[in-house]
Protein backbone atom coordinates (compact mmCIF):
# COMPACT_ATOMS: atom_id res chain seq x y z
CA MET A 1 -247.90 119.17 -50.41
CA LEU A 2 -248.50 122.96 -51.04
CA GLY A 3 -252.16 122.00 -51.32
CA ILE A 4 -252.46 121.22 -47.65
CA PRO A 5 -251.76 124.75 -46.35
CA LEU A 6 -253.74 126.22 -49.27
CA GLY A 7 -256.59 124.00 -48.68
CA LEU A 8 -256.58 124.89 -44.87
CA LEU A 9 -256.60 128.71 -45.64
CA THR A 10 -259.29 128.15 -48.44
CA ALA A 11 -261.52 126.30 -46.16
CA ASN A 12 -260.98 128.84 -43.47
CA ALA A 13 -261.95 131.61 -45.77
CA VAL A 14 -264.98 129.67 -47.22
CA GLU A 15 -266.07 129.06 -43.65
CA TRP A 16 -265.86 132.84 -42.87
CA GLY A 17 -267.60 134.11 -45.97
CA MET A 18 -270.39 131.43 -46.04
CA HIS A 19 -271.23 132.23 -42.54
CA LYS A 20 -271.12 136.00 -42.86
CA TYR A 21 -272.66 136.43 -46.39
CA VAL A 22 -274.83 133.22 -46.89
CA LEU A 23 -275.99 132.12 -43.49
CA HIS A 24 -276.22 135.55 -41.68
CA GLY A 25 -276.88 137.55 -45.19
CA LEU A 26 -279.20 135.34 -47.27
CA GLY A 27 -280.33 133.34 -44.14
CA LYS A 28 -281.93 136.39 -42.44
CA LYS A 29 -284.82 136.24 -45.01
CA ARG A 30 -287.36 133.61 -43.69
CA GLY A 31 -288.36 130.96 -45.96
CA THR A 32 -284.88 130.69 -47.72
CA PHE A 33 -282.82 127.51 -47.71
CA TRP A 34 -280.38 129.20 -45.58
CA ALA A 35 -282.80 130.67 -43.01
CA PHE A 36 -282.36 127.56 -40.76
CA HIS A 37 -279.04 129.08 -39.31
CA PHE A 38 -279.98 132.40 -38.33
CA HIS A 39 -283.79 131.56 -37.36
CA GLU A 40 -283.33 127.98 -35.79
CA HIS A 41 -279.84 127.41 -34.79
CA HIS A 42 -279.07 130.89 -33.33
CA ARG A 43 -282.49 130.88 -31.46
CA GLU A 44 -281.97 127.28 -30.06
CA VAL A 45 -278.34 128.31 -28.90
CA ARG A 46 -279.54 131.44 -27.18
CA GLU A 47 -282.22 129.74 -25.53
CA HIS A 48 -280.21 126.75 -24.11
CA GLY A 49 -276.89 128.46 -23.16
CA TYR A 50 -274.87 127.74 -26.40
CA TYR A 51 -276.20 124.10 -26.29
CA ASP A 52 -278.23 123.01 -29.54
CA PRO A 53 -280.51 120.00 -28.80
CA ASN A 54 -281.30 119.70 -32.39
CA TYR A 55 -277.78 118.13 -32.94
CA GLU A 56 -279.41 114.96 -31.34
CA ARG A 57 -281.31 114.48 -34.43
CA PHE A 58 -280.37 112.28 -37.48
CA PRO A 59 -277.66 114.42 -39.32
CA LEU A 60 -279.30 114.25 -42.85
CA GLY A 61 -282.77 115.45 -42.53
CA MET A 62 -284.19 118.69 -43.93
CA HIS A 63 -283.69 120.55 -40.50
CA ALA A 64 -280.99 123.06 -39.42
CA GLN A 65 -278.27 120.40 -38.72
CA GLY A 66 -279.17 118.32 -41.77
CA LYS A 67 -279.19 121.35 -44.20
CA GLU A 68 -275.64 122.06 -42.77
CA ALA A 69 -274.54 118.45 -43.46
CA TRP A 70 -276.05 118.59 -46.92
CA ALA A 71 -274.26 121.76 -47.91
CA LEU A 72 -270.96 120.45 -46.55
CA ILE A 73 -271.61 117.26 -48.75
CA ALA A 74 -272.48 119.35 -51.82
CA SER A 75 -269.30 121.42 -51.43
CA ALA A 76 -267.30 118.24 -51.16
CA VAL A 77 -268.94 116.80 -54.47
CA ALA A 78 -268.36 120.19 -56.12
CA VAL A 79 -264.59 120.11 -55.76
CA ALA A 80 -264.22 116.34 -56.40
CA PRO A 81 -263.38 117.00 -60.17
CA LEU A 82 -260.39 118.67 -59.03
CA PHE A 83 -258.77 115.70 -57.22
CA PRO A 84 -256.79 114.33 -60.07
CA VAL A 85 -254.96 117.66 -60.65
CA ALA A 86 -254.90 118.86 -56.87
CA PRO A 87 -255.33 115.85 -54.58
CA PHE A 88 -253.79 117.28 -51.68
CA PHE A 89 -255.81 120.52 -51.95
CA VAL A 90 -259.15 118.58 -52.39
CA GLY A 91 -258.30 116.15 -49.68
CA THR A 92 -257.52 118.92 -47.25
CA LEU A 93 -260.97 120.63 -48.26
CA TRP A 94 -262.73 117.31 -47.71
CA TYR A 95 -260.96 117.01 -44.23
CA SER A 96 -261.87 120.64 -43.50
CA SER A 97 -265.63 119.86 -44.20
CA LEU A 98 -265.66 116.92 -41.85
CA ASN A 99 -263.77 118.76 -39.27
CA TYR A 100 -266.08 121.89 -39.52
CA TYR A 101 -269.10 119.50 -38.86
CA ARG A 102 -267.28 117.72 -36.08
CA VAL A 103 -266.09 120.89 -34.20
CA HIS A 104 -269.53 122.75 -34.83
CA LYS A 105 -271.47 119.92 -33.43
CA LYS A 106 -269.30 118.98 -30.53
CA SER A 107 -269.24 122.70 -29.58
CA HIS A 108 -272.98 122.83 -29.27
CA MET A 109 -273.33 119.45 -27.70
CA ASN A 110 -270.87 120.25 -25.00
CA PRO A 111 -271.01 124.02 -24.15
CA ALA A 112 -267.98 124.00 -21.90
CA TRP A 113 -265.88 122.18 -24.49
CA GLY A 114 -267.11 124.86 -26.98
CA GLU A 115 -266.21 127.88 -24.77
CA GLN A 116 -262.85 126.60 -24.11
CA ARG A 117 -261.74 125.30 -27.39
CA VAL A 118 -263.49 127.58 -29.94
CA PRO A 119 -264.09 130.75 -27.85
CA TRP A 120 -264.42 132.80 -31.06
CA HIS A 121 -267.47 130.67 -31.96
CA PHE A 122 -268.84 130.97 -28.61
CA ASP A 123 -268.56 134.67 -28.54
CA HIS A 124 -270.38 134.78 -32.10
CA HIS A 125 -273.37 133.02 -30.34
CA MET A 126 -273.28 134.15 -26.62
CA GLY A 127 -271.48 137.65 -26.96
CA ASN A 128 -273.16 140.94 -27.70
CA ASN A 129 -272.23 140.99 -31.29
CA PRO A 130 -273.63 138.12 -33.44
CA GLY A 131 -272.33 140.17 -36.43
CA ALA A 132 -268.75 139.22 -35.72
CA ASN A 133 -266.65 136.00 -35.12
CA TRP A 134 -267.80 134.22 -38.18
CA CYS A 135 -265.20 131.40 -37.87
CA VAL A 136 -265.79 128.14 -36.33
CA THR A 137 -262.73 125.74 -36.55
CA ARG A 138 -259.96 128.32 -36.32
CA PRO A 139 -260.26 132.17 -35.98
CA TRP A 140 -257.77 132.82 -38.88
CA PHE A 141 -260.01 134.82 -41.20
CA ASP A 142 -261.68 136.72 -38.22
CA TYR A 143 -258.19 138.19 -37.47
CA ILE A 144 -257.41 138.69 -41.21
CA MET A 145 -260.66 140.53 -41.93
CA GLY A 146 -260.88 142.20 -38.76
CA THR A 147 -263.83 140.70 -37.34
CA ARG A 148 -262.64 138.95 -34.23
CA VAL A 149 -264.48 140.72 -31.13
CA PHE A 150 -263.90 139.40 -27.84
CA THR A 151 -266.46 139.42 -25.20
CA GLU A 152 -265.31 141.40 -22.05
CA GLY A 153 -264.50 138.79 -19.44
CA GLY A 154 -264.93 135.79 -21.80
CA VAL A 155 -262.57 133.09 -22.51
CA ARG A 156 -260.03 134.07 -25.25
CA GLU A 157 -257.90 132.00 -27.39
CA ASP A 158 -254.12 132.01 -26.36
CA ASN A 159 -252.80 132.68 -29.93
CA VAL A 160 -254.21 133.86 -33.30
CA LEU A 161 -253.92 130.43 -34.71
CA GLY A 162 -256.51 129.15 -32.19
CA PHE A 163 -254.55 126.29 -31.15
CA LYS A 164 -254.21 125.22 -27.51
CA GLN A 165 -250.29 125.02 -27.64
CA ILE A 166 -247.86 126.07 -30.16
CA PRO A 167 -244.02 126.09 -30.14
CA ALA A 168 -242.62 129.03 -28.01
CA TRP A 169 -240.57 130.25 -31.07
CA LEU A 170 -243.77 130.44 -33.07
CA GLU A 171 -245.77 132.19 -30.22
CA ARG A 172 -243.02 134.97 -30.35
CA LEU A 173 -243.37 135.46 -34.04
CA LEU A 174 -247.23 135.83 -34.11
CA PRO A 175 -249.06 138.91 -32.94
CA LYS A 176 -251.12 138.62 -29.59
CA PRO A 177 -254.81 138.12 -30.05
CA GLU A 178 -255.62 141.37 -28.20
CA SER A 179 -253.59 143.34 -30.56
CA LEU A 180 -255.76 142.42 -33.58
CA GLY A 181 -259.19 141.79 -31.90
CA THR A 182 -261.59 144.37 -30.48
CA PHE A 183 -263.66 144.00 -27.22
CA ALA A 184 -267.33 144.12 -26.69
CA PRO A 185 -269.05 144.60 -23.23
CA LYS A 186 -270.14 141.48 -21.50
CA PRO A 187 -273.74 140.64 -22.46
CA ALA A 188 -276.45 141.44 -19.85
CA ALA A 189 -277.53 138.38 -17.87
CA ARG A 190 -280.65 136.71 -19.39
CA ARG A 191 -283.61 136.26 -17.24
CA ALA A 192 -284.79 132.72 -16.55
CA ALA A 193 -288.04 131.90 -18.18
């Protein structure tokens, strides 16, 4: 059963690292497999106020959302050989891959939901600093790595775990989000085209 919390932490760390170093690092170079994220997804989201119309396409094509899905499938296949020795860990990684896709897609199909439920990811796209807030499903590694940047005047999570509600005893034990994150000024209003 220890595999479940280890799987959740591993998945969040991989989510953070892949987003920062692969999707934004390698992905800044046009023509690479990973360029879809920075050059297509970010552009669409900025143009449409966090909404990404490309999530309406079939999810397994060779477009931005398809490449995202294929990368998640490949990662699930890559860890499959570990299943006999670490079934809870691998099962949690598989769950985390599905949850990542579900949360990411839902947040960009329903911007109001995304802003309220994953404000750290909303800040990544709509704030002034796309070089921060690397997590999508939960902000854990953004807090651990010091990359959680709040947009001034924006929605913020109530707790560092990124859950809407947690028990009062746990909330008292955890640091407040504002004690670990930093603040960026609110982005300037975009002119309508």
